[in-house]
N, C-alpha and C. Protein backbone atom coordinates (compact mmCIF):
# COMPACT_ATOMS: atom_id res chain seq x y z
N MET A 1 129.49 110.65 143.68
CA MET A 1 129.49 112.12 143.79
C MET A 1 128.14 112.64 144.25
N GLY A 2 127.04 112.04 143.85
CA GLY A 2 125.72 112.47 144.24
C GLY A 2 125.49 112.42 145.70
N LYS A 3 125.93 111.33 146.35
CA LYS A 3 125.77 111.18 147.80
C LYS A 3 126.56 112.25 148.54
N PHE A 4 127.76 112.56 148.03
CA PHE A 4 128.57 113.59 148.67
C PHE A 4 127.84 114.93 148.57
N GLY A 5 127.24 115.23 147.41
CA GLY A 5 126.44 116.45 147.26
C GLY A 5 125.29 116.51 148.23
N GLU A 6 124.64 115.37 148.46
CA GLU A 6 123.54 115.31 149.42
C GLU A 6 124.04 115.60 150.83
N LYS A 7 125.24 115.12 151.19
CA LYS A 7 125.80 115.40 152.54
C LYS A 7 126.07 116.87 152.70
N ILE A 8 126.61 117.48 151.62
CA ILE A 8 126.86 118.94 151.67
C ILE A 8 125.56 119.70 151.84
N ALA A 9 124.53 119.37 151.06
CA ALA A 9 123.19 119.97 151.19
C ALA A 9 122.62 119.78 152.59
N GLU A 10 122.75 118.63 153.10
CA GLU A 10 122.20 118.30 154.46
C GLU A 10 122.84 119.21 155.48
N LYS A 11 124.17 119.34 155.47
CA LYS A 11 124.86 120.21 156.43
C LYS A 11 124.41 121.65 156.30
N LEU A 12 124.33 122.10 155.06
CA LEU A 12 123.92 123.48 154.82
C LEU A 12 122.54 123.80 155.37
N ILE A 13 121.56 122.93 155.11
CA ILE A 13 120.22 123.17 155.58
C ILE A 13 120.10 122.98 157.09
N LYS A 14 120.82 122.02 157.65
CA LYS A 14 120.82 121.92 159.12
C LYS A 14 121.36 123.18 159.80
N LYS A 15 122.37 123.84 159.20
CA LYS A 15 122.92 125.06 159.75
C LYS A 15 121.89 126.17 159.79
N LYS A 16 120.86 126.06 158.96
CA LYS A 16 119.79 127.06 158.94
C LYS A 16 118.74 126.80 160.03
N GLY A 17 118.97 125.73 160.81
CA GLY A 17 118.11 125.45 161.95
C GLY A 17 117.00 124.45 161.71
N PHE A 18 117.05 123.76 160.58
CA PHE A 18 116.02 122.76 160.27
C PHE A 18 116.46 121.36 160.68
N LYS A 19 115.47 120.56 161.03
CA LYS A 19 115.74 119.18 161.48
C LYS A 19 115.51 118.20 160.33
N LEU A 20 116.51 117.35 160.11
CA LEU A 20 116.40 116.34 159.06
C LEU A 20 115.38 115.26 159.50
N LEU A 21 114.41 114.98 158.66
CA LEU A 21 113.44 113.93 158.92
C LEU A 21 113.70 112.63 158.15
N GLU A 22 114.06 112.78 156.88
CA GLU A 22 114.29 111.62 156.01
C GLU A 22 115.35 111.92 154.97
N LYS A 23 116.03 110.86 154.56
CA LYS A 23 116.96 110.86 153.43
C LYS A 23 116.43 109.87 152.39
N ASN A 24 116.50 110.24 151.14
CA ASN A 24 116.11 109.34 150.05
C ASN A 24 114.74 108.69 150.27
N TYR A 25 113.76 109.50 150.61
CA TYR A 25 112.39 109.00 150.89
C TYR A 25 111.76 108.55 149.60
N ARG A 26 111.16 107.34 149.64
CA ARG A 26 110.49 106.81 148.47
C ARG A 26 109.02 106.55 148.76
N PHE A 27 108.19 106.93 147.80
CA PHE A 27 106.77 106.65 147.81
C PHE A 27 106.44 106.21 146.41
N LEU A 28 105.90 105.00 146.32
CA LEU A 28 105.68 104.37 144.99
C LEU A 28 106.98 104.42 144.26
N ARG A 29 107.05 104.97 143.06
CA ARG A 29 108.31 105.05 142.31
C ARG A 29 108.90 106.45 142.37
N CYS A 30 108.48 107.26 143.30
CA CYS A 30 108.95 108.64 143.40
C CYS A 30 109.88 108.78 144.56
N GLU A 31 110.85 109.71 144.46
CA GLU A 31 111.84 109.84 145.51
C GLU A 31 112.15 111.31 145.79
N ILE A 32 112.44 111.59 147.02
CA ILE A 32 112.89 112.92 147.47
C ILE A 32 114.25 112.71 148.19
N ASP A 33 115.19 113.50 147.84
CA ASP A 33 116.54 113.36 148.41
C ASP A 33 116.59 113.62 149.93
N LEU A 34 116.05 114.78 150.34
CA LEU A 34 116.10 115.17 151.73
C LEU A 34 114.75 115.80 152.18
N ILE A 35 114.34 115.51 153.39
CA ILE A 35 113.12 116.13 153.92
C ILE A 35 113.48 116.69 155.31
N PHE A 36 113.14 117.98 155.51
CA PHE A 36 113.46 118.70 156.70
C PHE A 36 112.20 119.23 157.39
N LEU A 37 112.27 119.44 158.64
CA LEU A 37 111.20 120.06 159.43
C LEU A 37 111.64 121.49 159.86
N ASP A 38 110.83 122.44 159.50
CA ASP A 38 111.02 123.83 159.99
C ASP A 38 109.93 123.97 161.08
N LYS A 39 110.29 123.65 162.32
CA LYS A 39 109.32 123.62 163.38
C LYS A 39 108.77 125.00 163.70
N LYS A 40 109.61 126.05 163.58
CA LYS A 40 109.21 127.42 163.86
C LYS A 40 108.05 127.86 163.00
N ASN A 41 108.05 127.46 161.72
CA ASN A 41 107.07 127.89 160.75
C ASN A 41 106.06 126.79 160.38
N ASN A 42 106.09 125.68 161.13
CA ASN A 42 105.21 124.51 160.83
C ASN A 42 105.24 124.15 159.35
N MET A 43 106.45 123.90 158.88
CA MET A 43 106.66 123.67 157.45
C MET A 43 107.56 122.42 157.25
N ILE A 44 107.21 121.66 156.24
CA ILE A 44 108.06 120.56 155.79
C ILE A 44 108.74 120.97 154.51
N ILE A 45 110.04 120.80 154.44
CA ILE A 45 110.84 121.23 153.33
C ILE A 45 111.36 119.98 152.58
N PHE A 46 110.95 119.89 151.32
CA PHE A 46 111.43 118.73 150.47
C PHE A 46 112.48 119.26 149.53
N VAL A 47 113.61 118.56 149.52
CA VAL A 47 114.82 119.07 148.82
C VAL A 47 115.29 118.08 147.77
N GLU A 48 115.50 118.61 146.58
CA GLU A 48 116.12 117.87 145.48
C GLU A 48 117.55 118.42 145.34
N VAL A 49 118.51 117.50 145.38
CA VAL A 49 119.93 117.88 145.30
C VAL A 49 120.49 117.40 143.92
N LYS A 50 121.16 118.32 143.24
CA LYS A 50 121.82 118.02 142.00
C LYS A 50 123.27 118.36 142.12
N THR A 51 124.13 117.41 141.83
CA THR A 51 125.58 117.56 141.90
C THR A 51 126.20 117.37 140.56
N ARG A 52 127.10 118.24 140.18
CA ARG A 52 127.74 118.20 138.85
C ARG A 52 129.23 118.56 138.99
N ARG A 53 130.00 118.15 137.97
CA ARG A 53 131.42 118.47 137.89
C ARG A 53 131.68 119.67 136.96
N ASN A 54 130.70 119.95 136.11
CA ASN A 54 130.88 121.10 135.21
C ASN A 54 129.50 121.59 134.76
N LYS A 55 129.54 122.67 133.99
CA LYS A 55 128.27 123.26 133.48
C LYS A 55 128.04 122.91 132.00
N LYS A 56 128.63 121.82 131.56
CA LYS A 56 128.49 121.43 130.18
C LYS A 56 127.06 121.38 129.71
N PHE A 57 126.15 120.93 130.58
CA PHE A 57 124.74 120.84 130.24
C PHE A 57 123.90 121.90 130.97
N GLY A 58 124.55 122.94 131.43
CA GLY A 58 123.87 124.04 132.15
C GLY A 58 124.05 123.93 133.66
N GLU A 59 123.34 124.78 134.35
CA GLU A 59 123.37 124.77 135.81
C GLU A 59 122.74 123.44 136.33
N PRO A 60 123.27 122.92 137.42
CA PRO A 60 122.72 121.64 137.94
C PRO A 60 121.21 121.67 138.14
N GLU A 61 120.69 122.75 138.74
CA GLU A 61 119.27 122.81 139.05
C GLU A 61 118.41 122.86 137.78
N GLU A 62 118.98 123.22 136.64
CA GLU A 62 118.23 123.21 135.41
C GLU A 62 117.84 121.84 134.92
N SER A 63 118.45 120.81 135.47
CA SER A 63 118.12 119.45 135.10
C SER A 63 116.95 118.90 135.84
N ILE A 64 116.31 119.69 136.70
CA ILE A 64 115.12 119.25 137.44
C ILE A 64 113.91 119.54 136.56
N THR A 65 113.47 118.52 135.87
CA THR A 65 112.38 118.63 134.91
C THR A 65 111.01 118.74 135.57
N HIS A 66 110.02 119.12 134.76
CA HIS A 66 108.62 119.14 135.30
C HIS A 66 108.22 117.74 135.74
N PHE A 67 108.68 116.72 135.02
CA PHE A 67 108.36 115.34 135.44
C PHE A 67 108.94 115.05 136.82
N LYS A 68 110.18 115.47 137.07
CA LYS A 68 110.79 115.26 138.41
C LYS A 68 110.02 116.06 139.46
N GLN A 69 109.64 117.28 139.12
CA GLN A 69 108.86 118.10 140.07
C GLN A 69 107.57 117.43 140.42
N ARG A 70 106.87 116.87 139.44
CA ARG A 70 105.59 116.18 139.72
C ARG A 70 105.85 114.97 140.62
N ASN A 71 106.93 114.22 140.33
CA ASN A 71 107.21 113.05 141.16
C ASN A 71 107.56 113.44 142.57
N MET A 72 108.25 114.58 142.75
CA MET A 72 108.54 115.04 144.13
C MET A 72 107.23 115.40 144.85
N MET A 73 106.31 116.06 144.12
CA MET A 73 105.05 116.42 144.73
C MET A 73 104.25 115.16 145.15
N LYS A 74 104.29 114.14 144.29
CA LYS A 74 103.60 112.87 144.66
C LYS A 74 104.24 112.26 145.87
N ALA A 75 105.57 112.21 145.92
CA ALA A 75 106.27 111.66 147.07
C ALA A 75 105.98 112.49 148.34
N ALA A 76 105.87 113.78 148.21
CA ALA A 76 105.56 114.67 149.32
C ALA A 76 104.18 114.36 149.87
N GLN A 77 103.21 114.18 148.95
CA GLN A 77 101.87 113.79 149.38
C GLN A 77 101.90 112.43 150.11
N GLY A 78 102.68 111.52 149.58
CA GLY A 78 102.82 110.21 150.26
C GLY A 78 103.44 110.35 151.64
N PHE A 79 104.43 111.23 151.76
CA PHE A 79 105.07 111.43 153.06
C PHE A 79 104.07 111.95 154.07
N VAL A 80 103.25 112.92 153.66
CA VAL A 80 102.25 113.49 154.57
C VAL A 80 101.18 112.45 154.88
N LEU A 81 100.73 111.64 153.90
CA LEU A 81 99.79 110.58 154.18
C LEU A 81 100.30 109.56 155.18
N ASN A 82 101.58 109.27 155.12
CA ASN A 82 102.20 108.30 156.04
C ASN A 82 102.66 108.92 157.34
N ASN A 83 102.56 110.23 157.47
CA ASN A 83 103.00 110.93 158.68
C ASN A 83 101.93 111.97 159.00
N LYS A 84 100.82 111.49 159.50
CA LYS A 84 99.63 112.29 159.76
C LYS A 84 99.89 113.54 160.62
N LYS A 85 100.92 113.48 161.47
CA LYS A 85 101.19 114.61 162.34
C LYS A 85 101.61 115.87 161.58
N TYR A 86 101.95 115.67 160.32
CA TYR A 86 102.35 116.80 159.47
C TYR A 86 101.29 117.28 158.49
N GLU A 87 100.06 116.71 158.60
CA GLU A 87 99.07 117.03 157.58
C GLU A 87 98.64 118.49 157.59
N ASN A 88 98.85 119.20 158.65
CA ASN A 88 98.47 120.64 158.67
C ASN A 88 99.65 121.57 158.48
N TYR A 89 100.82 121.00 158.16
CA TYR A 89 101.98 121.81 157.90
C TYR A 89 102.04 122.28 156.47
N SER A 90 102.66 123.43 156.30
CA SER A 90 102.90 123.94 154.92
C SER A 90 104.00 123.11 154.25
N LEU A 91 104.01 123.05 152.95
CA LEU A 91 105.01 122.28 152.24
C LEU A 91 105.81 123.26 151.37
N ARG A 92 107.12 123.00 151.27
CA ARG A 92 107.96 123.84 150.49
C ARG A 92 108.91 122.91 149.71
N PHE A 93 109.17 123.29 148.45
CA PHE A 93 110.06 122.51 147.62
C PHE A 93 111.28 123.34 147.25
N ASP A 94 112.46 122.87 147.66
CA ASP A 94 113.73 123.56 147.44
C ASP A 94 114.63 122.74 146.56
N THR A 95 115.60 123.40 145.97
CA THR A 95 116.70 122.70 145.28
C THR A 95 118.03 123.14 145.86
N VAL A 96 118.95 122.24 145.87
CA VAL A 96 120.33 122.57 146.21
C VAL A 96 121.21 121.99 145.12
N SER A 97 122.00 122.87 144.50
CA SER A 97 122.92 122.43 143.45
C SER A 97 124.33 122.56 144.06
N VAL A 98 125.13 121.52 143.79
CA VAL A 98 126.52 121.51 144.20
C VAL A 98 127.37 121.32 142.96
N LEU A 99 128.22 122.28 142.70
CA LEU A 99 129.06 122.29 141.50
C LEU A 99 130.54 122.21 141.92
N PHE A 100 131.20 121.08 141.52
CA PHE A 100 132.57 120.88 141.88
C PHE A 100 133.45 121.47 140.79
N SER A 101 134.62 121.99 141.19
CA SER A 101 135.64 122.46 140.28
C SER A 101 136.67 121.38 140.13
N ASP A 102 137.63 121.63 139.21
CA ASP A 102 138.68 120.63 138.93
C ASP A 102 139.54 120.33 140.15
N ASN A 103 139.69 121.29 141.08
CA ASN A 103 140.53 121.03 142.28
C ASN A 103 139.72 120.59 143.47
N ASN A 104 138.51 120.01 143.19
CA ASN A 104 137.61 119.43 144.18
C ASN A 104 137.01 120.42 145.17
N GLU A 105 137.14 121.71 144.90
CA GLU A 105 136.39 122.67 145.65
C GLU A 105 135.00 122.70 145.06
N TYR A 106 134.03 123.30 145.78
CA TYR A 106 132.70 123.29 145.29
C TYR A 106 131.97 124.55 145.65
N SER A 107 130.93 124.87 144.89
CA SER A 107 130.02 125.96 145.20
C SER A 107 128.65 125.36 145.39
N VAL A 108 127.85 126.01 146.19
CA VAL A 108 126.50 125.51 146.53
C VAL A 108 125.50 126.63 146.27
N ASN A 109 124.39 126.25 145.69
CA ASN A 109 123.27 127.18 145.46
C ASN A 109 122.00 126.57 146.00
N HIS A 110 121.48 127.16 147.08
CA HIS A 110 120.21 126.70 147.71
C HIS A 110 119.10 127.64 147.24
N ILE A 111 118.14 127.11 146.53
CA ILE A 111 116.98 127.85 146.05
C ILE A 111 115.77 127.43 146.84
N GLU A 112 115.29 128.33 147.67
CA GLU A 112 114.10 128.07 148.42
C GLU A 112 112.87 128.32 147.57
N GLU A 113 111.81 127.54 147.76
CA GLU A 113 110.61 127.61 146.99
C GLU A 113 110.91 127.59 145.48
N ALA A 114 111.70 126.59 145.08
CA ALA A 114 112.11 126.48 143.69
C ALA A 114 110.94 126.19 142.73
N PHE A 115 109.93 125.50 143.22
CA PHE A 115 108.76 125.27 142.39
C PHE A 115 107.59 124.98 143.31
């Protein structure tokens, strides 16, 4: 279900005109689900995707802890270190939550500059 949520998030953000650079990028033990390039604004967008079937434990994006945020920031630093051409680009951290209903329809919430 998580990979399906990532595909939904990828399509949504591509529709906004951003170019996908990486999926499931890993640096040390840290991971980022999706990384996009906003060429117009010289910005790299790092995206965490959360997919859920219900709100039993709250909204999907509420499960992104400070620990996960720190790990994303470490991975983002690693991405820039390994891709020097982006070292002068701005960095943005977004979340995309995908919530499925019982009939397999879904709603999507994209939060720009989530943290």
